[in-house]
Amino acid sequence: MGLCSAYFLHKEGHEVTVLDKSDITSGASFVNAGYITPSHIIPLASPGMISKGIRWMFSPTSPFYMKPRWDTEFFKWSWYFHKSSTKEKVALAIPLIKEINLISRELFTSIKNSGDLGDFQLERKGLLMLYKTDKEGEHEMQVAEKAAILGLEVSMLDKQSLDLLQPNVTMDVKGAIHYECDGHTTPTEFMEKMLAYLKQSGVIIKTNEEVTDLLIENELITKVITDKDSYSAEEIVLAAGSWSEKISKKMNLNLPIQPGKGYSISVPRPTGITIPAILMEAKVAVTPMKEYTRFAGTMEFSGINDTISKQRVEAIAKATTDFYPDLIINETEKADAKSGLRPVSPDGLPYIGQSSSLKNLTVATGHAMMGWSLGPITGQLVSEIISDKKTSMDITGFSPNRTF
């Protein structure tokens, strides 16, 4: 979100400085599944998710996990999540999610066509929802029907059709839903090229520099203070991912966010997999990237930490072999597993928009599992807001000032 915002702001003629507490080489932006997903129309906060979370709470290998802990912010967020998990609220969210994803998909293409980043992987082979059981297949077919009504390209595949589509890999599944509307990338490649372009273009990138405080006067942020320096700017963009809530408290804002940890394993050898897939029963994402195939999964709510659970890594590896019997992830590949924290809002929708209490603050965070997919459109919206232009879509539903 930060780099895409910097990109579009720079294109609009603004002078931009990026402050990052890391060296911008790791985290969710680098270890995600790389999906561009108009098909992901159902927000994480949906009916039944809380009960699933409670059922899975005591399983060290479950795909959705909420670690029991005494944390008042987590309690509040959980209550808001529960309140947001209704059919009515999901129905309101679906068209918003579809529209913002479609615009972002086209912006990925525009960035590539601009030549700014040189060549990078950007493919439109769709996404296969692979299922082993009729129950999962029927559940996804209901989502697919909603997607089709919204005009998204989707088809149902039996095992024979699936084998024709992916002839060089053995799959132990009953069938698949193919969302032809989706695309994919290699996140590490995109991030490195975006960072290089920004530096070459005069955007100031300050790494390993953590924001520690802010000075506020007359509803304006007058100074951003880090552990190394201080900065003044006409406009401030908050795009601090899972750390956004911590910083927002220094601004006296209510921006509920919980870090949702995800894991990924990259396999740098031929796998025969050419089309991205989600292994439905296991909730594992599979992506054929440049030079490797990535297997990613879990949504673990355990606070801000970079601890890697070997049991969850093993669960991803096991699921891989369950669905692709000829593919065994080896010990070296498992030992190199990475994790990243995704900023999750209580209703599964991002926070994009101006603060109602701070006149020079624009918020761009809380994207949950759609962060990679929504990077370009978020950056463009941030630039439009700051440049006083009409936004590319109605962003009322993403307001950082909304209540739960």
Protein backbone atom coordinates (compact mmCIF):
# COMPACT_ATOMS: atom_id res chain seq x y z
CA MET A 1 0.00 0.00 0.00
CA GLY A 2 2.81 2.41 0.86
CA LEU A 3 4.79 1.88 -2.33
CA CYS A 4 1.73 1.91 -4.58
CA SER A 5 0.57 5.13 -2.92
CA ALA A 6 4.04 6.61 -3.45
CA TYR A 7 3.94 5.52 -7.11
CA PHE A 8 0.64 7.20 -7.95
CA LEU A 9 1.39 10.30 -5.87
CA HIS A 10 4.72 10.67 -7.69
CA LYS A 11 2.95 10.26 -11.04
CA GLU A 12 0.60 13.07 -10.01
CA GLY A 13 3.58 15.35 -9.38
CA HIS A 14 3.81 15.22 -5.59
CA GLU A 15 7.10 15.09 -3.70
CA VAL A 16 7.00 11.88 -1.66
CA THR A 17 8.95 10.47 1.26
CA VAL A 18 8.36 6.88 2.42
CA LEU A 19 9.14 5.95 6.04
CA ASP A 20 9.40 2.23 6.84
CA LYS A 21 10.45 0.47 10.04
CA SER A 22 11.89 -2.43 7.99
CA ASP A 23 14.33 -2.65 5.09
CA ILE A 24 11.42 -3.47 2.73
CA THR A 25 12.59 -6.97 1.88
CA SER A 26 10.19 -9.13 3.91
CA GLY A 27 6.68 -9.39 5.33
CA ALA A 28 3.26 -9.98 3.83
CA SER A 29 4.00 -7.94 0.68
CA PHE A 30 6.76 -10.41 -0.18
CA VAL A 31 5.43 -13.78 1.01
CA ASN A 32 1.79 -13.64 -0.16
CA ALA A 33 0.16 -15.75 -2.88
CA GLY A 34 0.38 -12.97 -5.49
CA TYR A 35 -3.29 -13.25 -6.46
CA ILE A 36 -5.26 -10.58 -8.30
CA THR A 37 -8.69 -11.74 -7.27
CA PRO A 38 -11.97 -10.21 -8.43
CA SER A 39 -13.41 -13.63 -7.52
CA HIS A 40 -12.82 -13.08 -3.79
CA ILE A 41 -16.17 -11.34 -3.34
CA ILE A 42 -16.97 -12.71 0.12
CA PRO A 43 -15.29 -10.78 2.99
CA LEU A 44 -13.54 -12.66 5.78
CA ALA A 45 -16.21 -11.46 8.22
CA SER A 46 -19.04 -13.70 7.05
CA PRO A 47 -21.66 -15.89 8.74
CA GLY A 48 -20.14 -18.89 10.47
CA MET A 49 -16.55 -17.65 10.70
CA ILE A 50 -16.65 -17.01 14.46
CA SER A 51 -17.97 -20.52 15.17
CA LYS A 52 -15.28 -21.97 12.90
CA GLY A 53 -12.67 -19.95 14.75
CA ILE A 54 -13.84 -21.32 18.09
CA ARG A 55 -13.86 -24.90 16.74
CA TRP A 56 -10.36 -24.49 15.31
CA MET A 57 -8.96 -22.58 18.30
CA PHE A 58 -7.47 -25.69 19.85
CA SER A 59 -6.01 -27.15 16.68
CA PRO A 60 -2.33 -26.33 15.99
CA THR A 61 -2.84 -27.04 12.28
CA SER A 62 -6.16 -25.29 11.58
CA PRO A 63 -6.30 -22.81 8.66
CA PHE A 64 -8.14 -20.15 10.70
CA TYR A 65 -6.87 -19.65 14.23
CA MET A 66 -7.54 -17.17 17.02
CA LYS A 67 -5.04 -17.54 19.85
CA PRO A 68 -6.78 -17.22 23.25
CA ARG A 69 -5.20 -14.25 25.04
CA TRP A 70 -6.11 -11.41 27.38
CA ASP A 71 -6.02 -8.43 25.06
CA THR A 72 -8.72 -5.76 25.23
CA GLU A 73 -8.07 -4.57 21.66
CA PHE A 74 -8.47 -8.14 20.40
CA PHE A 75 -11.71 -8.52 22.40
CA LYS A 76 -13.11 -5.33 20.86
CA TRP A 77 -12.03 -6.36 17.37
CA SER A 78 -13.60 -9.83 17.85
CA TRP A 79 -16.89 -8.25 18.91
CA TYR A 80 -16.86 -5.95 15.87
CA PHE A 81 -16.01 -8.96 13.66
CA HIS A 82 -19.00 -10.82 15.11
CA LYS A 83 -21.30 -7.84 14.48
CA SER A 84 -20.04 -7.60 10.88
CA SER A 85 -20.57 -11.31 10.11
CA THR A 86 -24.16 -11.06 8.92
CA LYS A 87 -25.76 -11.90 5.59
CA GLU A 88 -26.96 -8.31 5.23
CA LYS A 89 -23.51 -6.79 5.68
CA VAL A 90 -21.88 -9.38 3.41
CA ALA A 91 -24.47 -8.58 0.71
CA LEU A 92 -23.53 -4.89 0.91
CA ALA A 93 -19.80 -5.69 0.76
CA ILE A 94 -19.89 -8.02 -2.28
CA PRO A 95 -20.39 -5.39 -5.05
CA LEU A 96 -17.80 -3.10 -3.43
CA ILE A 97 -15.20 -5.87 -3.31
CA LYS A 98 -15.89 -6.85 -6.90
CA GLU A 99 -15.62 -3.31 -8.24
CA ILE A 100 -12.43 -2.36 -6.41
CA ASN A 101 -10.73 -5.61 -7.46
CA LEU A 102 -11.64 -5.20 -11.12
CA ILE A 103 -10.27 -1.66 -11.22
CA SER A 104 -7.08 -2.80 -9.51
CA ARG A 105 -6.65 -5.68 -11.96
CA GLU A 106 -6.66 -3.22 -14.85
CA LEU A 107 -4.21 -0.94 -13.04
CA PHE A 108 -1.73 -3.81 -12.73
CA THR A 109 -1.92 -4.05 -16.53
CA SER A 110 -1.49 -0.27 -16.88
CA ILE A 111 1.61 -0.33 -14.67
CA LYS A 112 3.09 -3.09 -16.80
CA ASN A 113 2.21 -1.36 -20.07
CA SER A 114 3.78 1.88 -18.83
CA GLY A 115 7.21 0.23 -18.82
CA ASP A 116 8.04 1.96 -15.53
CA LEU A 117 8.92 -1.31 -13.83
CA GLY A 118 10.26 -3.06 -16.90
CA ASP A 119 8.94 -6.54 -17.49
CA PHE A 120 7.39 -8.50 -14.63
CA GLN A 121 5.17 -11.55 -14.32
CA LEU A 122 1.53 -10.66 -14.80
CA GLU A 123 -0.62 -13.55 -16.02
CA ARG A 124 -4.35 -14.02 -16.45
CA LYS A 125 -4.89 -17.77 -16.20
CA GLY A 126 -7.61 -17.55 -13.61
CA LEU A 127 -7.91 -19.33 -10.27
CA LEU A 128 -8.96 -22.94 -9.69
CA MET A 129 -10.95 -23.73 -6.56
CA LEU A 130 -10.06 -27.42 -6.19
CA TYR A 131 -12.36 -29.54 -4.06
CA LYS A 132 -12.28 -33.11 -2.81
CA THR A 133 -15.77 -33.32 -1.35
CA ASP A 134 -19.23 -32.55 -2.68
CA LYS A 135 -19.85 -30.35 0.35
CA GLU A 136 -16.99 -27.96 -0.49
CA GLY A 137 -17.85 -28.08 -4.19
CA GLU A 138 -21.48 -27.16 -3.55
CA HIS A 139 -20.48 -24.36 -1.17
CA GLU A 140 -18.16 -22.79 -3.77
CA MET A 141 -20.75 -23.22 -6.51
CA GLN A 142 -23.05 -20.92 -4.53
CA VAL A 143 -20.29 -18.29 -4.51
CA ALA A 144 -19.65 -18.90 -8.21
CA GLU A 145 -23.32 -18.28 -9.01
CA LYS A 146 -23.16 -14.92 -7.24
CA ALA A 147 -19.94 -14.09 -9.13
CA ALA A 148 -21.55 -14.99 -12.45
CA ILE A 149 -24.56 -12.77 -11.70
CA LEU A 150 -22.10 -9.92 -11.09
CA GLY A 151 -20.60 -10.54 -14.54
CA LEU A 152 -17.39 -12.32 -13.50
CA GLU A 153 -16.11 -15.07 -15.79
CA VAL A 154 -16.47 -18.43 -14.06
CA SER A 155 -16.89 -22.06 -15.14
CA MET A 156 -17.39 -25.47 -13.50
CA LEU A 157 -14.85 -28.20 -14.27
CA ASP A 158 -15.16 -31.94 -13.71
CA LYS A 159 -12.06 -34.05 -13.14
CA GLN A 160 -11.66 -34.86 -16.84
CA SER A 161 -11.82 -31.20 -17.88
CA LEU A 162 -9.40 -30.32 -15.10
CA ASP A 163 -6.87 -32.90 -16.28
CA LEU A 164 -7.04 -31.49 -19.79
CA LEU A 165 -6.40 -28.00 -18.43
CA GLN A 166 -3.46 -29.13 -16.22
CA PRO A 167 -2.05 -32.20 -18.05
CA ASN A 168 1.33 -32.31 -16.33
CA VAL A 169 0.25 -32.61 -12.72
CA THR A 170 -1.65 -35.35 -10.88
CA MET A 171 -4.55 -34.04 -8.78
CA ASP A 172 -6.56 -36.03 -6.26
CA VAL A 173 -9.76 -33.97 -6.47
CA LYS A 174 -13.38 -34.29 -7.61
CA GLY A 175 -13.44 -31.11 -9.64
CA ALA A 176 -12.95 -27.35 -9.59
CA ILE A 177 -14.56 -23.97 -10.04
CA HIS A 178 -12.46 -21.93 -12.47
CA TYR A 179 -12.58 -18.17 -11.91
CA GLU A 180 -11.21 -17.06 -15.27
CA CYS A 181 -11.41 -13.42 -14.17
CA ASP A 182 -8.39 -13.72 -11.84
CA GLY A 183 -4.68 -13.13 -12.42
CA HIS A 184 -1.40 -13.60 -10.59
CA THR A 185 2.10 -12.17 -10.16
CA THR A 186 5.38 -12.82 -8.36
CA PRO A 187 5.31 -10.42 -5.36
CA THR A 188 9.07 -10.32 -4.72
CA GLU A 189 9.72 -9.36 -8.33
CA PHE A 190 7.07 -6.62 -8.36
CA MET A 191 8.16 -5.17 -5.01
CA GLU A 192 11.84 -5.03 -5.95
CA LYS A 193 11.09 -3.37 -9.29
CA MET A 194 8.63 -0.91 -7.77
CA LEU A 195 11.13 0.06 -5.08
CA ALA A 196 13.91 0.52 -7.66
CA TYR A 197 11.65 2.66 -9.87
CA LEU A 198 10.65 4.92 -6.98
CA LYS A 199 14.25 5.47 -5.92
CA GLN A 200 15.33 6.23 -9.48
CA SER A 201 12.41 8.65 -9.87
CA GLY A 202 13.36 10.78 -6.88
CA VAL A 203 11.00 9.37 -4.25
CA ILE A 204 12.85 9.44 -0.91
CA ILE A 205 12.83 6.02 0.77
CA LYS A 206 13.82 5.94 4.45
CA THR A 207 14.22 2.35 5.68
CA ASN A 208 14.88 0.92 9.16
CA GLU A 209 13.28 4.05 10.58
CA GLU A 210 10.32 3.65 12.92
CA VAL A 211 7.65 6.26 13.59
CA THR A 212 7.58 6.87 17.34
CA ASP A 213 5.33 9.90 17.69
CA LEU A 214 3.40 12.66 15.92
CA LEU A 215 2.75 16.31 16.73
CA ILE A 216 -0.82 17.47 16.16
CA GLU A 217 -1.98 21.09 16.14
CA ASN A 218 -5.33 22.48 15.03
CA GLU A 219 -6.47 19.14 13.54
CA LEU A 220 -3.29 18.87 11.48
CA ILE A 221 -0.33 16.51 11.80
CA THR A 222 2.51 19.03 11.90
CA LYS A 223 5.40 16.64 12.48
CA VAL A 224 6.14 12.92 12.16
CA ILE A 225 8.84 11.83 14.61
CA THR A 226 10.91 8.70 14.07
CA ASP A 227 13.66 7.03 16.08
CA LYS A 228 16.18 8.82 13.82
CA ASP A 229 14.69 12.12 12.66
CA SER A 230 11.53 14.19 12.29
CA TYR A 231 9.57 15.23 9.19
CA SER A 232 6.97 17.80 8.22
CA ALA A 233 4.65 17.38 5.25
CA GLU A 234 1.50 18.89 3.82
CA GLU A 235 -0.18 15.48 3.63
CA ILE A 236 0.34 12.22 5.54
CA VAL A 237 -0.62 8.73 4.37
CA LEU A 238 -1.03 6.00 6.98
CA ALA A 239 -0.18 2.71 5.23
CA ALA A 240 1.56 0.86 8.04
CA GLY A 241 -0.10 -2.51 7.59
CA SER A 242 -0.54 -4.46 10.81
CA TRP A 243 1.17 -1.67 12.73
CA SER A 244 -1.42 0.90 11.61
CA GLU A 245 -3.58 0.59 14.71
CA LYS A 246 -0.58 1.23 16.98
CA ILE A 247 0.27 4.42 15.08
CA SER A 248 -3.38 5.48 14.85
CA LYS A 249 -3.62 5.55 18.64
CA LYS A 250 -0.97 8.28 18.67
CA MET A 251 -3.46 10.25 16.55
CA ASN A 252 -6.40 9.49 18.88
CA LEU A 253 -8.13 7.53 16.11
CA ASN A 254 -10.24 4.39 16.45
CA LEU A 255 -8.90 2.12 13.72
CA PRO A 256 -9.47 -1.49 14.80
CA ILE A 257 -7.00 -3.84 13.12
CA GLN A 258 -5.66 -7.25 14.03
CA PRO A 259 -2.60 -8.81 12.39
CA GLY A 260 -3.53 -12.02 10.55
CA LYS A 261 -0.43 -14.12 10.07
CA GLY A 262 0.03 -16.12 6.89
CA TYR A 263 2.72 -18.64 5.96
CA SER A 264 4.25 -19.57 2.63
CA ILE A 265 6.61 -22.20 1.25
CA SER A 266 8.37 -21.63 -2.07
CA VAL A 267 9.37 -24.71 -4.10
CA PRO A 268 12.12 -23.80 -6.61
CA ARG A 269 11.77 -26.85 -8.88
CA PRO A 270 9.33 -27.95 -11.58
CA THR A 271 5.94 -28.95 -10.18
CA GLY A 272 3.85 -29.12 -13.35
CA ILE A 273 1.42 -26.58 -11.86
CA THR A 274 0.62 -23.82 -14.35
CA ILE A 275 -2.63 -22.34 -13.00
CA PRO A 276 -3.10 -20.84 -9.51
CA ALA A 277 -5.34 -22.86 -7.23
CA ILE A 278 -6.88 -22.89 -3.78
CA LEU A 279 -7.04 -26.30 -2.10
CA MET A 280 -10.46 -25.78 -0.63
CA GLU A 281 -10.69 -28.21 2.26
CA ALA A 282 -7.21 -27.20 3.45
CA LYS A 283 -7.50 -23.45 2.62
CA VAL A 284 -4.06 -23.51 0.96
CA ALA A 285 -3.21 -21.19 -1.96
CA VAL A 286 -0.96 -22.42 -4.78
CA THR A 287 0.71 -20.06 -7.25
CA PRO A 288 3.12 -20.78 -10.14
CA MET A 289 5.50 -17.86 -9.81
CA LYS A 290 8.68 -16.87 -11.60
CA GLU A 291 11.32 -19.51 -10.74
CA TYR A 292 9.22 -21.31 -8.10
CA THR A 293 5.77 -22.50 -7.06
CA ARG A 294 4.44 -20.97 -3.85
CA PHE A 295 2.17 -22.72 -1.34
CA ALA A 296 0.59 -20.33 1.17
CA GLY A 297 -2.00 -20.56 3.90
CA THR A 298 -3.45 -19.88 7.35
CA MET A 299 -5.05 -16.86 8.95
CA GLU A 300 -3.56 -16.84 12.43
CA PHE A 301 -4.59 -14.18 14.91
CA SER A 302 -1.86 -14.32 17.55
CA GLY A 303 -0.75 -10.71 17.82
CA ILE A 304 2.24 -9.02 16.21
CA ASN A 305 5.06 -11.56 15.99
CA ASP A 306 7.10 -13.32 13.34
CA THR A 307 7.15 -16.75 14.99
CA ILE A 308 6.81 -19.60 12.51
CA SER A 309 4.80 -22.59 13.70
CA LYS A 310 6.36 -25.78 12.35
CA GLN A 311 2.98 -27.50 12.76
CA ARG A 312 1.30 -25.01 10.45
CA VAL A 313 4.10 -25.33 7.90
CA GLU A 314 3.71 -29.12 8.05
CA ALA A 315 -0.05 -28.71 7.55
CA ILE A 316 0.54 -26.73 4.34
CA ALA A 317 3.03 -29.35 3.12
CA LYS A 318 0.64 -32.21 3.94
CA ALA A 319 -2.26 -30.52 2.18
CA THR A 320 -0.09 -30.07 -0.90
CA THR A 321 0.59 -33.81 -1.11
CA ASP A 322 -3.06 -34.63 -0.34
CA PHE A 323 -4.15 -32.68 -3.42
CA TYR A 324 -1.05 -33.29 -5.59
CA PRO A 325 0.01 -36.89 -4.68
CA ASP A 326 3.23 -36.77 -6.72
CA LEU A 327 4.42 -33.55 -5.08
CA ILE A 328 6.24 -33.80 -1.75
CA ILE A 329 7.65 -30.65 -0.18
CA ASN A 330 11.06 -31.54 1.23
CA GLU A 331 12.61 -30.62 4.58
CA THR A 332 14.85 -27.90 3.11
CA GLU A 333 11.86 -26.19 1.49
CA LYS A 334 9.85 -26.40 4.71
CA ALA A 335 12.75 -25.01 6.74
CA ASP A 336 12.78 -21.96 4.45
CA ALA A 337 9.10 -21.15 5.09
CA LYS A 338 8.27 -17.48 5.61
CA SER A 339 5.50 -15.61 7.41
CA GLY A 340 3.87 -12.21 7.05
CA LEU A 341 1.23 -10.18 8.88
CA ARG A 342 -1.87 -8.98 7.04
CA PRO A 343 -3.81 -6.05 8.56
CA VAL A 344 -7.39 -7.24 9.07
CA SER A 345 -10.30 -4.91 9.71
CA PRO A 346 -13.32 -6.27 11.61
CA ASP A 347 -15.61 -6.30 8.55
CA GLY A 348 -13.01 -7.51 6.04
CA LEU A 349 -13.10 -4.25 4.07
CA PRO A 350 -10.08 -1.95 3.81
CA TYR A 351 -9.80 1.51 5.32
CA ILE A 352 -9.31 3.94 2.43
CA GLY A 353 -10.10 7.61 2.82
CA GLN A 354 -9.54 10.87 4.67
CA SER A 355 -9.69 11.07 8.43
CA SER A 356 -12.61 13.11 9.73
CA SER A 357 -10.57 14.44 12.66
CA LEU A 358 -7.19 15.13 11.03
CA LYS A 359 -7.39 17.31 7.93
CA ASN A 360 -4.11 16.14 6.34
CA LEU A 361 -4.34 12.40 7.01
CA THR A 362 -5.34 9.79 4.42
CA VAL A 363 -5.64 6.17 5.54
CA ALA A 364 -4.75 3.16 3.36
CA THR A 365 -4.68 -0.04 5.38
CA GLY A 366 -6.75 -2.97 6.71
CA HIS A 367 -6.94 -4.92 3.43
CA ALA A 368 -6.72 -8.41 5.01
CA MET A 369 -6.24 -11.14 2.37
CA MET A 370 -6.91 -8.74 -0.53
CA GLY A 371 -3.87 -6.55 0.12
CA TRP A 372 -1.82 -7.67 -2.85
CA SER A 373 -4.78 -7.57 -5.21
CA LEU A 374 -5.77 -4.05 -4.13
CA GLY A 375 -2.36 -2.35 -4.03
CA PRO A 376 -2.63 -0.37 -7.29
CA ILE A 377 -6.21 0.84 -6.82
CA THR A 378 -5.49 1.85 -3.24
CA GLY A 379 -2.49 3.86 -4.41
CA GLN A 380 -4.55 5.53 -7.12
CA LEU A 381 -7.38 6.37 -4.70
CA VAL A 382 -4.90 7.87 -2.22
CA SER A 383 -3.45 10.03 -5.00
CA GLU A 384 -6.92 11.13 -6.14
CA ILE A 385 -7.94 12.05 -2.58
CA ILE A 386 -4.79 14.09 -1.92
CA SER A 387 -4.94 15.72 -5.35
CA ASP A 388 -8.60 16.72 -4.81
CA LYS A 389 -9.76 14.69 -7.78
CA LYS A 390 -12.90 12.63 -8.16
CA THR A 391 -12.13 9.10 -6.97
CA SER A 392 -12.21 6.17 -9.40
CA MET A 393 -15.11 4.68 -7.45
CA ASP A 394 -17.38 5.46 -4.52
CA ILE A 395 -15.25 4.75 -1.43
CA THR A 396 -17.87 5.50 1.22
CA GLY A 397 -17.94 1.84 2.26
CA PHE A 398 -14.19 1.92 2.94
CA SER A 399 -14.27 5.01 5.14
CA PRO A 400 -11.74 4.93 8.01
CA ASN A 401 -14.32 6.84 10.04
CA ARG A 402 -16.96 4.08 9.92
CA THR A 403 -18.29 2.51 13.09
CA PHE A 404 -18.94 -1.16 13.83
